[in-house]
C-alpha cells in the first residue's frame, strides 16, 4: 500500500467517524424538539442526509478493501 493509499484510507475512516458523531448529536437534538415541529423536520432531513453520507463513505472503504475504524466510530456514542 502506498503512502497516498494509507492517507486516503485514514481520511475516509475519519470522515466516517465524523458522520457517526454527527448522527449521535443530531438524534440527541431531535428528541428535544417536540415543541418546534419545523426545526424537528429539518433535523430529520439532516439525519437522513448524514446517514446517506456515512453509507457512501462505507461503500468507498469497502471498494478499497478497508474497514471503518471501530474505535473512532465508538467515540461517536
PDB file of N, CA and C in Angstrom:
ATOM      1  N   UNK A   1       0.859  -1.177   0.000  1.00  0.00           N
ATOM      2  CA  UNK A   1       0.000   0.000   0.000  1.00  0.00           C
ATOM      3  C   UNK A   1       0.901   1.236   0.000  1.00  0.00           C
ATOM      4  N   UNK A   2       0.586   2.165  -0.868  1.00  0.00           N
ATOM      5  CA  UNK A   2       1.377   3.388  -0.940  1.00  0.00           C
ATOM      6  C   UNK A   2       0.995   4.336   0.189  1.00  0.00           C
ATOM      7  N   UNK A   3       1.832   5.320   0.393  1.00  0.00           N
ATOM      8  CA  UNK A   3       1.542   6.331   1.418  1.00  0.00           C
ATOM      9  C   UNK A   3       0.247   7.071   1.081  1.00  0.00           C
ATOM     10  N   UNK A   4       0.015   7.319  -0.203  1.00  0.00           N
ATOM     11  CA  UNK A   4      -1.220   8.009  -0.612  1.00  0.00           C
ATOM     12  C   UNK A   4      -2.449   7.143  -0.315  1.00  0.00           C
ATOM     13  N   UNK A   5      -2.354   5.823  -0.553  1.00  0.00           N
ATOM     14  CA  UNK A   5      -3.465   4.925  -0.234  1.00  0.00           C
ATOM     15  C   UNK A   5      -3.756   4.931   1.257  1.00  0.00           C
ATOM     16  N   UNK A   6      -2.711   4.857   2.054  1.00  0.00           N
ATOM     17  CA  UNK A   6      -2.881   4.861   3.504  1.00  0.00           C
ATOM     18  C   UNK A   6      -3.528   6.166   3.963  1.00  0.00           C
ATOM     19  N   UNK A   7      -3.068   7.279   3.412  1.00  0.00           N
ATOM     20  CA  UNK A   7      -3.625   8.575   3.789  1.00  0.00           C
ATOM     21  C   UNK A   7      -5.101   8.676   3.399  1.00  0.00           C
ATOM     22  N   UNK A   8      -5.445   8.197   2.205  1.00  0.00           N
ATOM     23  CA  UNK A   8      -6.844   8.232   1.765  1.00  0.00           C
ATOM     24  C   UNK A   8      -7.706   7.349   2.662  1.00  0.00           C
ATOM     25  N   UNK A   9      -7.228   6.151   2.980  1.00  0.00           N
ATOM     26  CA  UNK A   9      -7.978   5.264   3.873  1.00  0.00           C
ATOM     27  C   UNK A   9      -8.171   5.906   5.242  1.00  0.00           C
ATOM     28  N   UNK A  10      -7.126   6.511   5.766  1.00  0.00           N
ATOM     29  CA  UNK A  10      -7.236   7.202   7.066  1.00  0.00           C
ATOM     30  C   UNK A  10      -8.264   8.324   6.983  1.00  0.00           C
ATOM     31  N   UNK A  11      -8.221   9.088   5.899  1.00  0.00           N
ATOM     32  CA  UNK A  11      -9.160  10.194   5.735  1.00  0.00           C
ATOM     33  C   UNK A  11     -10.593   9.676   5.659  1.00  0.00           C
ATOM     34  N   UNK A  12     -10.803   8.606   4.902  1.00  0.00           N
ATOM     35  CA  UNK A  12     -12.150   8.045   4.789  1.00  0.00           C
ATOM     36  C   UNK A  12     -12.648   7.527   6.140  1.00  0.00           C
ATOM     37  N   UNK A  13     -11.781   6.866   6.900  1.00  0.00           N
ATOM     38  CA  UNK A  13     -12.192   6.397   8.236  1.00  0.00           C
ATOM     39  C   UNK A  13     -12.531   7.573   9.139  1.00  0.00           C
ATOM     40  N   UNK A  14     -11.727   8.639   9.077  1.00  0.00           N
ATOM     41  CA  UNK A  14     -12.025   9.837   9.872  1.00  0.00           C
ATOM     42  C   UNK A  14     -13.353  10.455   9.452  1.00  0.00           C
ATOM     43  N   UNK A  15     -13.590  10.540   8.147  1.00  0.00           N
ATOM     44  CA  UNK A  15     -14.843  11.119   7.644  1.00  0.00           C
ATOM     45  C   UNK A  15     -16.033  10.286   8.104  1.00  0.00           C
ATOM     46  N   UNK A  16     -15.888   8.968   8.082  1.00  0.00           N
ATOM     47  CA  UNK A  16     -16.983   8.099   8.539  1.00  0.00           C
ATOM     48  C   UNK A  16     -17.252   8.320  10.027  1.00  0.00           C
ATOM     49  N   UNK A  17     -16.196   8.411  10.811  1.00  0.00           N
ATOM     50  CA  UNK A  17     -16.366   8.641  12.251  1.00  0.00           C
ATOM     51  C   UNK A  17     -17.056   9.984  12.503  1.00  0.00           C
ATOM     52  N   UNK A  18     -16.717  10.997  11.720  1.00  0.00           N
ATOM     53  CA  UNK A  18     -17.366  12.302  11.890  1.00  0.00           C
ATOM     54  C   UNK A  18     -18.858  12.218  11.565  1.00  0.00           C
ATOM     55  N   UNK A  19     -19.209  11.475  10.529  1.00  0.00           N
ATOM     56  CA  UNK A  19     -20.631  11.309  10.191  1.00  0.00           C
ATOM     57  C   UNK A  19     -21.355  10.582  11.319  1.00  0.00           C
ATOM     58  N   UNK A  20     -20.730   9.564  11.892  1.00  0.00           N
ATOM     59  CA  UNK A  20     -21.349   8.835  13.005  1.00  0.00           C
ATOM     60  C   UNK A  20     -21.513   9.744  14.223  1.00  0.00           C
ATOM     61  N   UNK A  21     -20.531  10.584  14.482  1.00  0.00           N
ATOM     62  CA  UNK A  21     -20.635  11.533  15.593  1.00  0.00           C
ATOM     63  C   UNK A  21     -21.754  12.539  15.336  1.00  0.00           C
ATOM     64  N   UNK A  22     -21.863  12.994  14.095  1.00  0.00           N
ATOM     65  CA  UNK A  22     -22.940  13.931  13.745  1.00  0.00           C
ATOM     66  C   UNK A  22     -24.303  13.282  13.958  1.00  0.00           C
ATOM     67  N   UNK A  23     -24.435  12.006  13.590  1.00  0.00           N
ATOM     68  CA  UNK A  23     -25.705  11.313  13.803  1.00  0.00           C
ATOM     69  C   UNK A  23     -26.069  11.248  15.278  1.00  0.00           C
ATOM     70  N   UNK A  24     -25.103  10.952  16.108  1.00  0.00           N
ATOM     71  CA  UNK A  24     -25.359  10.901  17.554  1.00  0.00           C
ATOM     72  C   UNK A  24     -25.853  12.253  18.045  1.00  0.00           C
ATOM     73  N   UNK A  25     -25.204  13.307  17.619  1.00  0.00           N
ATOM     74  CA  UNK A  25     -25.567  14.650  18.048  1.00  0.00           C
ATOM     75  C   UNK A  25     -26.954  15.045  17.520  1.00  0.00           C
ATOM     76  N   UNK A  26     -27.206  14.780  16.249  1.00  0.00           N
ATOM     77  CA  UNK A  26     -28.491  15.146  15.650  1.00  0.00           C
ATOM     78  C   UNK A  26     -29.653  14.385  16.281  1.00  0.00           C
ATOM     79  N   UNK A  27     -29.450  13.110  16.542  1.00  0.00           N
ATOM     80  CA  UNK A  27     -30.517  12.318  17.155  1.00  0.00           C
ATOM     81  C   UNK A  27     -30.801  12.794  18.575  1.00  0.00           C
ATOM     82  N   UNK A  28     -29.773  13.273  19.265  1.00  0.00           N
ATOM     83  CA  UNK A  28     -29.985  13.854  20.588  1.00  0.00           C
ATOM     84  C   UNK A  28     -30.805  15.131  20.516  1.00  0.00           C
ATOM     85  N   UNK A  29     -30.522  15.960  19.522  1.00  0.00           N
ATOM     86  CA  UNK A  29     -31.292  17.191  19.335  1.00  0.00           C
ATOM     87  C   UNK A  29     -32.737  16.878  18.956  1.00  0.00           C
ATOM     88  N   UNK A  30     -32.896  15.900  18.100  1.00  0.00           N
ATOM     89  CA  UNK A  30     -34.224  15.525  17.606  1.00  0.00           C
ATOM     90  C   UNK A  30     -35.176  15.228  18.762  1.00  0.00           C
ATOM     91  N   UNK A  31     -34.672  14.555  19.771  1.00  0.00           N
ATOM     92  CA  UNK A  31     -35.532  14.158  20.882  1.00  0.00           C
ATOM     93  C   UNK A  31     -35.949  15.333  21.763  1.00  0.00           C
ATOM     94  N   UNK A  32     -35.276  16.472  21.617  1.00  0.00           N
ATOM     95  CA  UNK A  32     -35.599  17.629  22.458  1.00  0.00           C
ATOM     96  C   UNK A  32     -36.384  18.710  21.716  1.00  0.00           C
ATOM     97  N   UNK A  33     -36.866  18.416  20.531  1.00  0.00           N
ATOM     98  CA  UNK A  33     -37.520  19.447  19.715  1.00  0.00           C
ATOM     99  C   UNK A  33     -39.020  19.217  19.536  1.00  0.00           C
ATOM    100  N   UNK A  34     -39.663  18.669  20.541  1.00  0.00           N
ATOM    101  CA  UNK A  34     -41.094  18.377  20.420  1.00  0.00           C
ATOM    102  C   UNK A  34     -41.920  19.625  20.140  1.00  0.00           C
ATOM    103  N   UNK A  35     -41.516  20.759  20.684  1.00  0.00           N
ATOM    104  CA  UNK A  35     -42.290  21.994  20.540  1.00  0.00           C
ATOM    105  C   UNK A  35     -41.885  22.835  19.333  1.00  0.00           C
ATOM    106  N   UNK A  36     -41.009  22.311  18.486  1.00  0.00           N
ATOM    107  CA  UNK A  36     -40.525  23.040  17.312  1.00  0.00           C
ATOM    108  C   UNK A  36     -40.634  22.130  16.084  1.00  0.00           C
ATOM    109  N   UNK A  37     -41.843  21.926  15.585  1.00  0.00           N
ATOM    110  CA  UNK A  37     -42.041  20.943  14.510  1.00  0.00           C
ATOM    111  C   UNK A  37     -41.257  21.241  13.229  1.00  0.00           C
ATOM    112  N   UNK A  38     -41.113  22.503  12.860  1.00  0.00           N
ATOM    113  CA  UNK A  38     -40.375  22.825  11.634  1.00  0.00           C
ATOM    114  C   UNK A  38     -38.894  22.500  11.793  1.00  0.00           C
ATOM    115  N   UNK A  39     -38.336  22.863  12.929  1.00  0.00           N
ATOM    116  CA  UNK A  39     -36.931  22.567  13.182  1.00  0.00           C
ATOM    117  C   UNK A  39     -36.722  21.055  13.305  1.00  0.00           C
ATOM    118  N   UNK A  40     -37.648  20.386  13.957  1.00  0.00           N
ATOM    119  CA  UNK A  40     -37.545  18.920  14.098  1.00  0.00           C
ATOM    120  C   UNK A  40     -37.563  18.251  12.729  1.00  0.00           C
ATOM    121  N   UNK A  41     -38.411  18.746  11.822  1.00  0.00           N
ATOM    122  CA  UNK A  41     -38.465  18.184  10.469  1.00  0.00           C
ATOM    123  C   UNK A  41     -37.136  18.375   9.743  1.00  0.00           C
ATOM    124  N   UNK A  42     -36.542  19.555   9.898  1.00  0.00           N
ATOM    125  CA  UNK A  42     -35.246  19.791   9.241  1.00  0.00           C
ATOM    126  C   UNK A  42     -34.163  18.912   9.845  1.00  0.00           C
ATOM    127  N   UNK A  43     -34.202  18.699  11.150  1.00  0.00           N
ATOM    128  CA  UNK A  43     -33.241  17.799  11.791  1.00  0.00           C
ATOM    129  C   UNK A  43     -33.436  16.383  11.245  1.00  0.00           C
ATOM    130  N   UNK A  44     -34.688  15.964  11.069  1.00  0.00           N
ATOM    131  CA  UNK A  44     -34.961  14.644  10.491  1.00  0.00           C
ATOM    132  C   UNK A  44     -34.361  14.524   9.091  1.00  0.00           C
ATOM    133  N   UNK A  45     -34.506  15.576   8.291  1.00  0.00           N
ATOM    134  CA  UNK A  45     -33.916  15.580   6.945  1.00  0.00           C
ATOM    135  C   UNK A  45     -32.395  15.491   7.031  1.00  0.00           C
ATOM    136  N   UNK A  46     -31.829  16.239   7.952  1.00  0.00           N
ATOM    137  CA  UNK A  46     -30.369  16.239   8.117  1.00  0.00           C
ATOM    138  C   UNK A  46     -29.877  14.860   8.558  1.00  0.00           C
ATOM    139  N   UNK A  47     -30.633  14.202   9.416  1.00  0.00           N
ATOM    140  CA  UNK A  47     -30.271  12.844   9.840  1.00  0.00           C
ATOM    141  C   UNK A  47     -30.250  11.910   8.629  1.00  0.00           C
ATOM    142  N   UNK A  48     -31.259  11.993   7.790  1.00  0.00           N
ATOM    143  CA  UNK A  48     -31.310  11.146   6.590  1.00  0.00           C
ATOM    144  C   UNK A  48     -30.123  11.437   5.667  1.00  0.00           C
ATOM    145  N   UNK A  49     -29.796  12.711   5.491  1.00  0.00           N
ATOM    146  CA  UNK A  49     -28.649  13.092   4.659  1.00  0.00           C
ATOM    147  C   UNK A  49     -27.352  12.530   5.239  1.00  0.00           C
ATOM    148  N   UNK A  50     -27.199  12.660   6.544  1.00  0.00           N
ATOM    149  CA  UNK A  50     -25.980  12.208   7.204  1.00  0.00           C
ATOM    150  C   UNK A  50     -25.863  10.694   7.134  1.00  0.00           C
ATOM    151  N   UNK A  51     -26.976   9.980   7.271  1.00  0.00           N
ATOM    152  CA  UNK A  51     -26.953   8.527   7.129  1.00  0.00           C
ATOM    153  C   UNK A  51     -26.522   8.124   5.715  1.00  0.00           C
ATOM    154  N   UNK A  52     -26.998   8.866   4.716  1.00  0.00           N
ATOM    155  CA  UNK A  52     -26.570   8.585   3.329  1.00  0.00           C
ATOM    156  C   UNK A  52     -25.080   8.842   3.162  1.00  0.00           C
ATOM    157  N   UNK A  53     -24.586   9.928   3.743  1.00  0.00           N
ATOM    158  CA  UNK A  53     -23.152  10.233   3.647  1.00  0.00           C
ATOM    159  C   UNK A  53     -22.327   9.112   4.279  1.00  0.00           C
ATOM    160  N   UNK A  54     -22.731   8.667   5.457  1.00  0.00           N
ATOM    161  CA  UNK A  54     -21.999   7.593   6.138  1.00  0.00           C
ATOM    162  C   UNK A  54     -21.996   6.329   5.277  1.00  0.00           C
ATOM    163  N   UNK A  55     -23.126   6.019   4.653  1.00  0.00           N
ATOM    164  CA  UNK A  55     -23.206   4.837   3.801  1.00  0.00           C
ATOM    165  C   UNK A  55     -22.300   4.979   2.577  1.00  0.00           C
ATOM    166  N   UNK A  56     -22.276   6.144   1.974  1.00  0.00           N
ATOM    167  CA  UNK A  56     -21.407   6.359   0.814  1.00  0.00           C
ATOM    168  C   UNK A  56     -19.936   6.187   1.197  1.00  0.00           C
ATOM    169  N   UNK A  57     -19.559   6.683   2.357  1.00  0.00           N
ATOM    170  CA  UNK A  57     -18.170   6.545   2.804  1.00  0.00           C
ATOM    171  C   UNK A  57     -17.857   5.081   3.082  1.00  0.00           C
ATOM    172  N   UNK A  58     -18.812   4.355   3.737  1.00  0.00           N
ATOM    173  CA  UNK A  58     -18.602   2.916   3.962  1.00  0.00           C
ATOM    174  C   UNK A  58     -18.405   2.193   2.639  1.00  0.00           C
ATOM    175  N   UNK A  59     -19.176   2.573   1.622  1.00  0.00           N
ATOM    176  CA  UNK A  59     -19.045   1.956   0.300  1.00  0.00           C
ATOM    177  C   UNK A  59     -17.658   2.212  -0.289  1.00  0.00           C
ATOM    178  N   UNK A  60     -17.169   3.418  -0.122  1.00  0.00           N
ATOM    179  CA  UNK A  60     -15.818   3.746  -0.605  1.00  0.00           C
ATOM    180  C   UNK A  60     -14.779   2.875   0.095  1.00  0.00           C
ATOM    181  N   UNK A  61     -14.919   2.745   1.401  1.00  0.00           N
ATOM    182  CA  UNK A  61     -13.978   1.922   2.162  1.00  0.00           C
ATOM    183  C   UNK A  61     -14.051   0.461   1.720  1.00  0.00           C
ATOM    184  N   UNK A  62     -15.257  -0.037   1.502  1.00  0.00           N
ATOM    185  CA  UNK A  62     -15.415  -1.424   1.056  1.00  0.00           C
ATOM    186  C   UNK A  62     -14.753  -1.645  -0.299  1.00  0.00           C
ATOM    187  N   UNK A  63     -14.931  -0.698  -1.218  1.00  0.00           N
ATOM    188  CA  UNK A  63     -14.301  -0.819  -2.535  1.00  0.00           C
ATOM    189  C   UNK A  63     -12.780  -0.807  -2.428  1.00  0.00           C
ATOM    190  N   UNK A  64     -12.264  -0.185  -1.367  1.00  0.00           N
ATOM    191  CA  UNK A  64     -10.811  -0.138  -1.146  1.00  0.00           C
ATOM    192  C   UNK A  64     -10.358  -1.275  -0.234  1.00  0.00           C
ATOM    193  N   UNK A  65     -11.268  -2.227   0.060  1.00  0.00           N
ATOM    194  CA  UNK A  65     -10.971  -3.358   0.946  1.00  0.00           C
ATOM    195  C   UNK A  65     -10.448  -2.900   2.299  1.00  0.00           C
ATOM    196  N   UNK A  66     -11.092  -1.869   2.830  1.00  0.00           N
ATOM    197  CA  UNK A  66     -10.712  -1.290   4.112  1.00  0.00           C
ATOM    198  C   UNK A  66     -11.960  -1.169   4.971  1.00  0.00           C
ATOM    199  N   UNK A  67     -11.808  -1.393   6.262  1.00  0.00           N
ATOM    200  CA  UNK A  67     -12.946  -1.314   7.182  1.00  0.00           C
ATOM    201  C   UNK A  67     -13.005   0.068   7.833  1.00  0.00           C
ATOM    202  N   UNK A  68     -14.166   0.374   8.405  1.00  0.00           N
ATOM    203  CA  UNK A  68     -14.284   1.598   9.191  1.00  0.00           C
ATOM    204  C   UNK A  68     -13.463   1.421  10.451  1.00  0.00           C
ATOM    205  N   UNK A  69     -13.237   2.503  11.168  1.00  0.00           N
ATOM    206  CA  UNK A  69     -12.491   2.450  12.417  1.00  0.00           C
ATOM    207  C   UNK A  69     -13.469   2.254  13.560  1.00  0.00           C
ATOM    208  N   UNK A  70     -13.507   1.061  14.112  1.00  0.00           N
ATOM    209  CA  UNK A  70     -14.407   0.801  15.229  1.00  0.00           C
ATOM    210  C   UNK A  70     -14.138   1.700  16.416  1.00  0.00           C
ATOM    211  N   UNK A  71     -12.869   1.986  16.670  1.00  0.00           N
ATOM    212  CA  UNK A  71     -12.512   2.835  17.803  1.00  0.00           C
ATOM    213  C   UNK A  71     -13.009   4.268  17.583  1.00  0.00           C
ATOM    214  N   UNK A  72     -12.789   4.788  16.376  1.00  0.00           N
ATOM    215  CA  UNK A  72     -13.251   6.141  16.090  1.00  0.00           C
ATOM    216  C   UNK A  72     -14.769   6.222  16.078  1.00  0.00           C
ATOM    217  N   UNK A  73     -15.414   5.205  15.506  1.00  0.00           N
ATOM    218  CA  UNK A  73     -16.872   5.186  15.483  1.00  0.00           C
ATOM    219  C   UNK A  73     -17.430   5.086  16.905  1.00  0.00           C
ATOM    220  N   UNK A  74     -16.760   4.330  17.755  1.00  0.00           N
ATOM    221  CA  UNK A  74     -17.215   4.187  19.141  1.00  0.00           C
ATOM    222  C   UNK A  74     -17.161   5.520  19.877  1.00  0.00           C
ATOM    223  N   UNK A  75     -16.258   6.387  19.466  1.00  0.00           N
ATOM    224  CA  UNK A  75     -16.171   7.721  20.074  1.00  0.00           C
ATOM    225  C   UNK A  75     -17.389   8.562  19.789  1.00  0.00           C
ATOM    226  N   UNK A  76     -18.198   8.135  18.844  1.00  0.00           N
ATOM    227  CA  UNK A  76     -19.406   8.875  18.498  1.00  0.00           C
ATOM    228  C   UNK A  76     -20.517   8.656  19.506  1.00  0.00           C
ATOM    229  N   UNK A  77     -20.425   7.629  20.318  1.00  0.00           N
ATOM    230  CA  UNK A  77     -21.509   7.305  21.248  1.00  0.00           C
ATOM    231  C   UNK A  77     -21.413   8.094  22.532  1.00  0.00           C
TER     232      UNK A  77
END
